[in-house]
Amino acid sequence: MTSDNDALKLKIIKHVADMLMVMTNTDDASPALIEELEDEALLKADLILGALGLAVAGSDGSVISVNLDLQDINAYIEQRASEMYVPDTEL
């Protein structure tokens, strides 16, 4: 069931990223910039949903049930930043 829930969580992340892109002006953006903005929207969506402590509980057809466990935002961002970025001294 975990892989099913992971797939549903990814679907939610992509949905939120799509919402963020709808709110982003890309009228004059090059394809490369649009791709960069899409990547950024996915990261932001993942961070937002992670800070909400989103966990998929299950689904019934097109309805996805989730649980939220609100996280301390600053602590969550610091933790994620430490996971994502390698200090220059380690390069």
C-alpha atoms as a PDB file:
ATOM      1  CA  MET A   1       0.000   0.000   0.000  1.00  0.00           C
ATOM      2  CA  THR A   2       2.915   2.352   0.626  1.00  0.00           C
ATOM      3  CA  SER A   3       3.818   2.579  -3.062  1.00  0.00           C
ATOM      4  CA  ASP A   4       0.179   3.344  -3.881  1.00  0.00           C
ATOM      5  CA  ASN A   5       0.156   6.090  -1.252  1.00  0.00           C
ATOM      6  CA  ASP A   6       3.469   7.437  -2.549  1.00  0.00           C
ATOM      7  CA  ALA A   7       1.995   7.595  -6.057  1.00  0.00           C
ATOM      8  CA  LEU A   8      -1.056   9.437  -4.721  1.00  0.00           C
ATOM      9  CA  LYS A   9       1.140  11.869  -2.779  1.00  0.00           C
ATOM     10  CA  LEU A  10       3.114  12.571  -5.963  1.00  0.00           C
ATOM     11  CA  LYS A  11      -0.172  13.176  -7.785  1.00  0.00           C
ATOM     12  CA  ILE A  12      -1.124  15.756  -5.127  1.00  0.00           C
ATOM     13  CA  ILE A  13       2.307  17.426  -5.334  1.00  0.00           C
ATOM     14  CA  LYS A  14       2.029  17.680  -9.128  1.00  0.00           C
ATOM     15  CA  HIS A  15      -1.505  19.083  -8.806  1.00  0.00           C
ATOM     16  CA  VAL A  16      -0.319  21.823  -6.432  1.00  0.00           C
ATOM     17  CA  ALA A  17       2.650  22.529  -8.734  1.00  0.00           C
ATOM     18  CA  ASP A  18       0.241  22.891 -11.658  1.00  0.00           C
ATOM     19  CA  MET A  19      -1.791  25.360  -9.588  1.00  0.00           C
ATOM     20  CA  LEU A  20       1.365  27.359  -8.867  1.00  0.00           C
ATOM     21  CA  MET A  21       2.222  27.399 -12.579  1.00  0.00           C
ATOM     22  CA  VAL A  22      -1.267  28.673 -13.475  1.00  0.00           C
ATOM     23  CA  MET A  23      -0.538  31.634 -11.186  1.00  0.00           C
ATOM     24  CA  THR A  24       2.868  32.234 -12.831  1.00  0.00           C
ATOM     25  CA  ASN A  25       3.173  34.575 -15.806  1.00  0.00           C
ATOM     26  CA  THR A  26       4.939  32.623 -18.552  1.00  0.00           C
ATOM     27  CA  ASP A  27       3.760  34.707 -21.501  1.00  0.00           C
ATOM     28  CA  ASP A  28       7.242  35.829 -22.544  1.00  0.00           C
ATOM     29  CA  ALA A  29       9.187  32.944 -21.016  1.00  0.00           C
ATOM     30  CA  SER A  30      11.461  30.736 -23.065  1.00  0.00           C
ATOM     31  CA  PRO A  31      10.937  26.963 -22.960  1.00  0.00           C
ATOM     32  CA  ALA A  32      14.054  26.670 -20.790  1.00  0.00           C
ATOM     33  CA  LEU A  33      12.697  29.220 -18.311  1.00  0.00           C
ATOM     34  CA  ILE A  34       9.309  27.480 -18.231  1.00  0.00           C
ATOM     35  CA  GLU A  35      11.035  24.185 -17.420  1.00  0.00           C
ATOM     36  CA  GLU A  36      12.972  25.907 -14.626  1.00  0.00           C
ATOM     37  CA  LEU A  37       9.763  27.439 -13.270  1.00  0.00           C
ATOM     38  CA  GLU A  38       8.040  24.036 -13.380  1.00  0.00           C
ATOM     39  CA  ASP A  39      10.903  22.472 -11.416  1.00  0.00           C
ATOM     40  CA  GLU A  40      10.688  25.304  -8.882  1.00  0.00           C
ATOM     41  CA  ALA A  41       6.906  24.857  -8.603  1.00  0.00           C
ATOM     42  CA  LEU A  42       7.368  21.128  -7.883  1.00  0.00           C
ATOM     43  CA  LEU A  43       9.907  21.921  -5.177  1.00  0.00           C
ATOM     44  CA  LYS A  44       7.633  24.563  -3.625  1.00  0.00           C
ATOM     45  CA  ALA A  45       4.647  22.201  -3.716  1.00  0.00           C
ATOM     46  CA  ASP A  46       6.692  19.469  -2.047  1.00  0.00           C
ATOM     47  CA  LEU A  47       7.892  21.903   0.638  1.00  0.00           C
ATOM     48  CA  ILE A  48       4.389  23.252   1.298  1.00  0.00           C
ATOM     49  CA  LEU A  49       2.831  19.803   1.575  1.00  0.00           C
ATOM     50  CA  GLY A  50       5.750  18.572   3.670  1.00  0.00           C
ATOM     51  CA  ALA A  51       5.319  21.471   6.107  1.00  0.00           C
ATOM     52  CA  LEU A  52       1.672  20.483   6.337  1.00  0.00           C
ATOM     53  CA  GLY A  53       2.784  16.958   7.242  1.00  0.00           C
ATOM     54  CA  LEU A  54       0.663  15.516   4.449  1.00  0.00           C
ATOM     55  CA  ALA A  55       0.249  11.749   4.599  1.00  0.00           C
ATOM     56  CA  VAL A  56      -2.063   9.870   2.252  1.00  0.00           C
ATOM     57  CA  ALA A  57      -4.539   7.738   4.193  1.00  0.00           C
ATOM     58  CA  GLY A  58      -6.141   6.090   1.171  1.00  0.00           C
ATOM     59  CA  SER A  59      -8.332   6.673  -1.830  1.00  0.00           C
ATOM     60  CA  ASP A  60     -11.726   5.779  -3.182  1.00  0.00           C
ATOM     61  CA  GLY A  61     -11.926   6.435  -6.890  1.00  0.00           C
ATOM     62  CA  SER A  62     -10.945  10.026  -7.544  1.00  0.00           C
ATOM     63  CA  VAL A  63     -11.161  11.013  -3.853  1.00  0.00           C
ATOM     64  CA  ILE A  64      -7.836  10.961  -1.993  1.00  0.00           C
ATOM     65  CA  SER A  65      -8.020  10.988   1.805  1.00  0.00           C
ATOM     66  CA  VAL A  66      -5.113  12.610   3.646  1.00  0.00           C
ATOM     67  CA  ASN A  67      -4.016  13.359   7.169  1.00  0.00           C
ATOM     68  CA  LEU A  68      -2.234  16.586   8.057  1.00  0.00           C
ATOM     69  CA  ASP A  69       0.258  16.969  10.896  1.00  0.00           C
ATOM     70  CA  LEU A  70       1.268  20.633  10.859  1.00  0.00           C
ATOM     71  CA  GLN A  71       5.019  21.005  11.249  1.00  0.00           C
ATOM     72  CA  ASP A  72       7.018  23.872  12.722  1.00  0.00           C
ATOM     73  CA  ILE A  73       7.772  25.690   9.467  1.00  0.00           C
ATOM     74  CA  ASN A  74      11.244  27.007  10.342  1.00  0.00           C
ATOM     75  CA  ALA A  75      12.425  23.666  11.721  1.00  0.00           C
ATOM     76  CA  TYR A  76      11.000  21.847   8.696  1.00  0.00           C
ATOM     77  CA  ILE A  77      12.682  24.197   6.202  1.00  0.00           C
ATOM     78  CA  GLU A  78      16.013  23.935   8.049  1.00  0.00           C
ATOM     79  CA  GLN A  79      15.785  20.137   8.067  1.00  0.00           C
ATOM     80  CA  ARG A  80      14.931  19.977   4.354  1.00  0.00           C
ATOM     81  CA  ALA A  81      17.686  22.467   3.509  1.00  0.00           C
ATOM     82  CA  SER A  82      20.243  20.324   5.321  1.00  0.00           C
ATOM     83  CA  GLU A  83      19.083  17.310   3.289  1.00  0.00           C
ATOM     84  CA  MET A  84      19.094  19.145  -0.040  1.00  0.00           C
ATOM     85  CA  TYR A  85      22.251  21.241   0.007  1.00  0.00           C
ATOM     86  CA  VAL A  86      25.838  20.090   0.337  1.00  0.00           C
ATOM     87  CA  PRO A  87      28.185  22.633   1.943  1.00  0.00           C
ATOM     88  CA  ASP A  88      31.029  23.823  -0.293  1.00  0.00           C
ATOM     89  CA  THR A  89      33.515  22.154   2.052  1.00  0.00           C
ATOM     90  CA  GLU A  90      32.114  18.745   1.071  1.00  0.00           C
ATOM     91  CA  LEU A  91      32.512  19.273  -2.681  1.00  0.00           C
END
